Amino acid sequence: MSSSDIPKLVHDNMHLRISELNELLATLRRSPPQAQNAPAPAPAAAAAAAADQDRTIRELRATIQKLEIQLLHLSAAYDAQSELIRNTR
């Protein structure tokens, strides 16, 4: 593996991680804040569970956005490096 392959591998890895986080986010959105077969919690506990799930979803969205921004920067750097390599050959 050459050093020029490393940015591509990092890019691909980040892209995969963002996809995994998006899948987790979709799962969280679909699932109720309690287990399917669990007895119904008290209203206060249900509200706390829902608030906790909402917070987790917001944090996950923020993480995905940060990773997408990093991926854009990485893509730009990779493109610039590729262009530089093409121009020096």
N, C-alpha and C. Protein backbone atom coordinates (compact mmCIF):
# COMPACT_ATOMS: atom_id res chain seq x y z
N MET A 1 0.85 -1.17 0.00
CA MET A 1 0.00 0.00 0.00
C MET A 1 0.90 1.23 0.00
N SER A 2 0.60 2.15 -0.87
CA SER A 2 1.38 3.38 -0.93
C SER A 2 0.74 4.44 -0.04
N SER A 3 1.51 5.47 0.24
CA SER A 3 0.98 6.54 1.10
C SER A 3 -0.17 7.28 0.44
N SER A 4 -0.25 7.22 -0.88
CA SER A 4 -1.37 7.88 -1.57
C SER A 4 -2.68 7.11 -1.39
N ASP A 5 -2.60 5.84 -0.97
CA ASP A 5 -3.80 5.04 -0.73
C ASP A 5 -4.44 5.35 0.61
N ILE A 6 -3.67 5.90 1.54
CA ILE A 6 -4.16 6.12 2.90
C ILE A 6 -5.35 7.08 2.95
N PRO A 7 -5.30 8.24 2.28
CA PRO A 7 -6.48 9.12 2.34
C PRO A 7 -7.74 8.45 1.81
N LYS A 8 -7.60 7.64 0.77
CA LYS A 8 -8.76 6.94 0.23
C LYS A 8 -9.32 5.95 1.25
N LEU A 9 -8.45 5.24 1.95
CA LEU A 9 -8.90 4.28 2.96
C LEU A 9 -9.59 5.00 4.12
N VAL A 10 -9.02 6.12 4.54
CA VAL A 10 -9.64 6.90 5.62
C VAL A 10 -11.00 7.41 5.17
N HIS A 11 -11.06 7.93 3.96
CA HIS A 11 -12.32 8.41 3.39
C HIS A 11 -13.37 7.30 3.38
N ASP A 12 -13.00 6.14 2.88
CA ASP A 12 -13.94 5.02 2.81
C ASP A 12 -14.39 4.58 4.20
N ASN A 13 -13.46 4.58 5.14
CA ASN A 13 -13.79 4.20 6.51
C ASN A 13 -14.77 5.20 7.13
N MET A 14 -14.53 6.48 6.93
CA MET A 14 -15.44 7.50 7.46
C MET A 14 -16.81 7.38 6.81
N HIS A 15 -16.83 7.14 5.52
CA HIS A 15 -18.11 6.99 4.82
C HIS A 15 -18.89 5.80 5.39
N LEU A 16 -18.21 4.70 5.65
CA LEU A 16 -18.84 3.54 6.24
C LEU A 16 -19.37 3.86 7.64
N ARG A 17 -18.59 4.58 8.42
CA ARG A 17 -18.99 4.94 9.78
C ARG A 17 -20.24 5.83 9.76
N ILE A 18 -20.29 6.78 8.85
CA ILE A 18 -21.47 7.64 8.72
C ILE A 18 -22.69 6.80 8.35
N SER A 19 -22.51 5.84 7.46
CA SER A 19 -23.62 4.96 7.09
C SER A 19 -24.11 4.17 8.29
N GLU A 20 -23.18 3.66 9.09
CA GLU A 20 -23.55 2.91 10.29
C GLU A 20 -24.31 3.80 11.27
N LEU A 21 -23.84 5.03 11.46
CA LEU A 21 -24.51 5.95 12.37
C LEU A 21 -25.91 6.32 11.86
N ASN A 22 -26.04 6.48 10.56
CA ASN A 22 -27.37 6.77 9.99
C ASN A 22 -28.32 5.60 10.20
N GLU A 23 -27.81 4.37 10.09
CA GLU A 23 -28.64 3.20 10.35
C GLU A 23 -29.07 3.16 11.81
N LEU A 24 -28.15 3.47 12.71
CA LEU A 24 -28.47 3.51 14.14
C LEU A 24 -29.52 4.58 14.42
N LEU A 25 -29.36 5.73 13.80
CA LEU A 25 -30.32 6.81 13.96
C LEU A 25 -31.71 6.38 13.49
N ALA A 26 -31.78 5.73 12.35
CA ALA A 26 -33.07 5.25 11.83
C ALA A 26 -33.69 4.24 12.79
N THR A 27 -32.88 3.37 13.36
CA THR A 27 -33.39 2.39 14.32
C THR A 27 -33.93 3.08 15.56
N LEU A 28 -33.20 4.07 16.05
CA LEU A 28 -33.66 4.81 17.23
C LEU A 28 -34.98 5.53 16.95
N ARG A 29 -35.11 6.07 15.77
CA ARG A 29 -36.35 6.78 15.42
C ARG A 29 -37.54 5.83 15.39
N ARG A 30 -37.31 4.60 14.94
CA ARG A 30 -38.40 3.62 14.82
C ARG A 30 -38.76 2.98 16.15
N SER A 31 -37.79 2.86 17.05
CA SER A 31 -38.05 2.11 18.28
C SER A 31 -38.63 3.00 19.36
N PRO A 32 -39.56 2.44 20.13
CA PRO A 32 -40.09 3.21 21.26
C PRO A 32 -39.03 3.29 22.35
N PRO A 33 -39.15 4.22 23.27
CA PRO A 33 -38.13 4.37 24.30
C PRO A 33 -38.15 3.27 25.36
N GLN A 34 -39.01 2.28 25.22
CA GLN A 34 -39.04 1.15 26.15
C GLN A 34 -38.99 -0.14 25.36
N ALA A 35 -38.65 -1.22 26.01
CA ALA A 35 -38.62 -2.52 25.35
C ALA A 35 -40.03 -2.90 24.90
N GLN A 36 -40.12 -3.65 23.81
CA GLN A 36 -41.42 -4.01 23.24
C GLN A 36 -42.29 -4.80 24.22
N ASN A 37 -41.72 -5.74 24.95
CA ASN A 37 -42.50 -6.62 25.82
C ASN A 37 -42.51 -6.18 27.28
N ALA A 38 -41.91 -5.05 27.57
CA ALA A 38 -41.85 -4.58 28.95
C ALA A 38 -43.20 -3.99 29.36
N PRO A 39 -43.53 -4.08 30.64
CA PRO A 39 -44.77 -3.44 31.09
C PRO A 39 -44.66 -1.92 30.92
N ALA A 40 -45.78 -1.31 30.76
CA ALA A 40 -45.79 0.15 30.56
C ALA A 40 -45.22 0.84 31.80
N PRO A 41 -44.26 1.72 31.61
CA PRO A 41 -43.68 2.41 32.76
C PRO A 41 -44.63 3.50 33.26
N ALA A 42 -44.34 3.97 34.43
CA ALA A 42 -45.11 5.08 34.98
C ALA A 42 -44.94 6.28 34.05
N PRO A 43 -45.91 7.19 34.01
CA PRO A 43 -45.81 8.33 33.09
C PRO A 43 -44.50 9.11 33.22
N ALA A 44 -44.04 9.31 34.44
CA ALA A 44 -42.79 10.07 34.62
C ALA A 44 -41.61 9.29 34.04
N ALA A 45 -41.58 7.99 34.24
CA ALA A 45 -40.50 7.16 33.70
C ALA A 45 -40.57 7.13 32.17
N ALA A 46 -41.78 7.06 31.63
CA ALA A 46 -41.93 7.06 30.17
C ALA A 46 -41.46 8.38 29.58
N ALA A 47 -41.80 9.48 30.25
CA ALA A 47 -41.36 10.79 29.78
C ALA A 47 -39.84 10.91 29.85
N ALA A 48 -39.25 10.39 30.93
CA ALA A 48 -37.79 10.44 31.07
C ALA A 48 -37.12 9.59 30.00
N ALA A 49 -37.68 8.42 29.72
CA ALA A 49 -37.12 7.54 28.68
C ALA A 49 -37.22 8.20 27.31
N ALA A 50 -38.36 8.83 27.04
CA ALA A 50 -38.54 9.52 25.75
C ALA A 50 -37.57 10.68 25.63
N ALA A 51 -37.39 11.44 26.71
CA ALA A 51 -36.45 12.57 26.68
C ALA A 51 -35.02 12.08 26.47
N ASP A 52 -34.68 10.96 27.12
CA ASP A 52 -33.34 10.39 26.96
C ASP A 52 -33.13 9.94 25.52
N GLN A 53 -34.13 9.30 24.94
CA GLN A 53 -34.02 8.86 23.55
C GLN A 53 -33.92 10.07 22.62
N ASP A 54 -34.68 11.11 22.87
CA ASP A 54 -34.60 12.32 22.05
C ASP A 54 -33.21 12.94 22.13
N ARG A 55 -32.64 12.98 23.33
CA ARG A 55 -31.29 13.53 23.51
C ARG A 55 -30.27 12.69 22.74
N THR A 56 -30.42 11.37 22.83
CA THR A 56 -29.51 10.47 22.12
C THR A 56 -29.60 10.71 20.61
N ILE A 57 -30.81 10.87 20.11
CA ILE A 57 -31.00 11.13 18.68
C ILE A 57 -30.36 12.46 18.28
N ARG A 58 -30.54 13.49 19.09
CA ARG A 58 -29.92 14.79 18.78
C ARG A 58 -28.39 14.68 18.78
N GLU A 59 -27.85 13.98 19.76
CA GLU A 59 -26.39 13.80 19.83
C GLU A 59 -25.88 13.01 18.64
N LEU A 60 -26.62 12.00 18.25
CA LEU A 60 -26.23 11.19 17.10
C LEU A 60 -26.28 12.01 15.82
N ARG A 61 -27.32 12.82 15.66
CA ARG A 61 -27.39 13.71 14.48
C ARG A 61 -26.21 14.65 14.44
N ALA A 62 -25.85 15.23 15.59
CA ALA A 62 -24.72 16.15 15.66
C ALA A 62 -23.42 15.43 15.28
N THR A 63 -23.26 14.20 15.76
CA THR A 63 -22.06 13.43 15.42
C THR A 63 -22.01 13.14 13.93
N ILE A 64 -23.14 12.76 13.36
CA ILE A 64 -23.19 12.49 11.92
C ILE A 64 -22.84 13.75 11.13
N GLN A 65 -23.38 14.89 11.54
CA GLN A 65 -23.07 16.14 10.83
C GLN A 65 -21.59 16.47 10.91
N LYS A 66 -20.98 16.28 12.08
CA LYS A 66 -19.55 16.54 12.22
C LYS A 66 -18.74 15.61 11.33
N LEU A 67 -19.12 14.34 11.30
CA LEU A 67 -18.41 13.39 10.45
C LEU A 67 -18.58 13.72 8.97
N GLU A 68 -19.77 14.16 8.59
CA GLU A 68 -19.99 14.53 7.19
C GLU A 68 -19.13 15.72 6.80
N ILE A 69 -18.98 16.68 7.71
CA ILE A 69 -18.12 17.83 7.44
C ILE A 69 -16.66 17.38 7.32
N GLN A 70 -16.23 16.51 8.23
CA GLN A 70 -14.87 15.98 8.15
C GLN A 70 -14.66 15.22 6.86
N LEU A 71 -15.67 14.49 6.44
CA LEU A 71 -15.58 13.73 5.20
C LEU A 71 -15.44 14.67 4.00
N LEU A 72 -16.16 15.78 4.01
CA LEU A 72 -16.03 16.77 2.94
C LEU A 72 -14.61 17.34 2.88
N HIS A 73 -14.08 17.67 4.06
CA HIS A 73 -12.70 18.19 4.12
C HIS A 73 -11.71 17.14 3.63
N LEU A 74 -11.92 15.90 4.06
CA LEU A 74 -11.04 14.82 3.64
C LEU A 74 -11.13 14.59 2.14
N SER A 75 -12.33 14.67 1.60
CA SER A 75 -12.50 14.49 0.15
C SER A 75 -11.77 15.59 -0.61
N ALA A 76 -11.89 16.82 -0.12
CA ALA A 76 -11.20 17.94 -0.77
C ALA A 76 -9.69 17.75 -0.70
N ALA A 77 -9.19 17.31 0.44
CA ALA A 77 -7.75 17.09 0.59
C ALA A 77 -7.28 15.95 -0.32
N TYR A 78 -8.09 14.91 -0.39
CA TYR A 78 -7.76 13.77 -1.25
C TYR A 78 -7.73 14.21 -2.72
N ASP A 79 -8.72 14.99 -3.12
CA ASP A 79 -8.76 15.49 -4.49
C ASP A 79 -7.55 16.37 -4.79
N ALA A 80 -7.19 17.22 -3.85
CA ALA A 80 -6.03 18.10 -4.04
C ALA A 80 -4.75 17.28 -4.14
N GLN A 81 -4.62 16.27 -3.29
CA GLN A 81 -3.44 15.42 -3.33
C GLN A 81 -3.39 14.65 -4.64
N SER A 82 -4.50 14.14 -5.08
CA SER A 82 -4.55 13.40 -6.35
C SER A 82 -4.15 14.30 -7.51
N GLU A 83 -4.65 15.52 -7.49
CA GLU A 83 -4.31 16.48 -8.54
C GLU A 83 -2.81 16.79 -8.53
N LEU A 84 -2.27 16.97 -7.34
CA LEU A 84 -0.83 17.24 -7.21
C LEU A 84 -0.02 16.07 -7.74
N ILE A 85 -0.42 14.87 -7.42
CA ILE A 85 0.30 13.68 -7.90
C ILE A 85 0.21 13.59 -9.41
N ARG A 86 -0.97 13.86 -9.98
CA ARG A 86 -1.12 13.83 -11.45
C ARG A 86 -0.23 14.88 -12.10
N ASN A 87 -0.15 16.05 -11.49
CA ASN A 87 0.64 17.14 -12.08
C ASN A 87 2.14 16.92 -11.96
N THR A 88 2.57 16.10 -11.03
CA THR A 88 4.01 15.87 -10.87
C THR A 88 4.49 14.68 -11.68
N ARG A 89 3.60 13.97 -12.30
CA ARG A 89 4.01 12.81 -13.12
C ARG A 89 4.24 13.20 -14.54
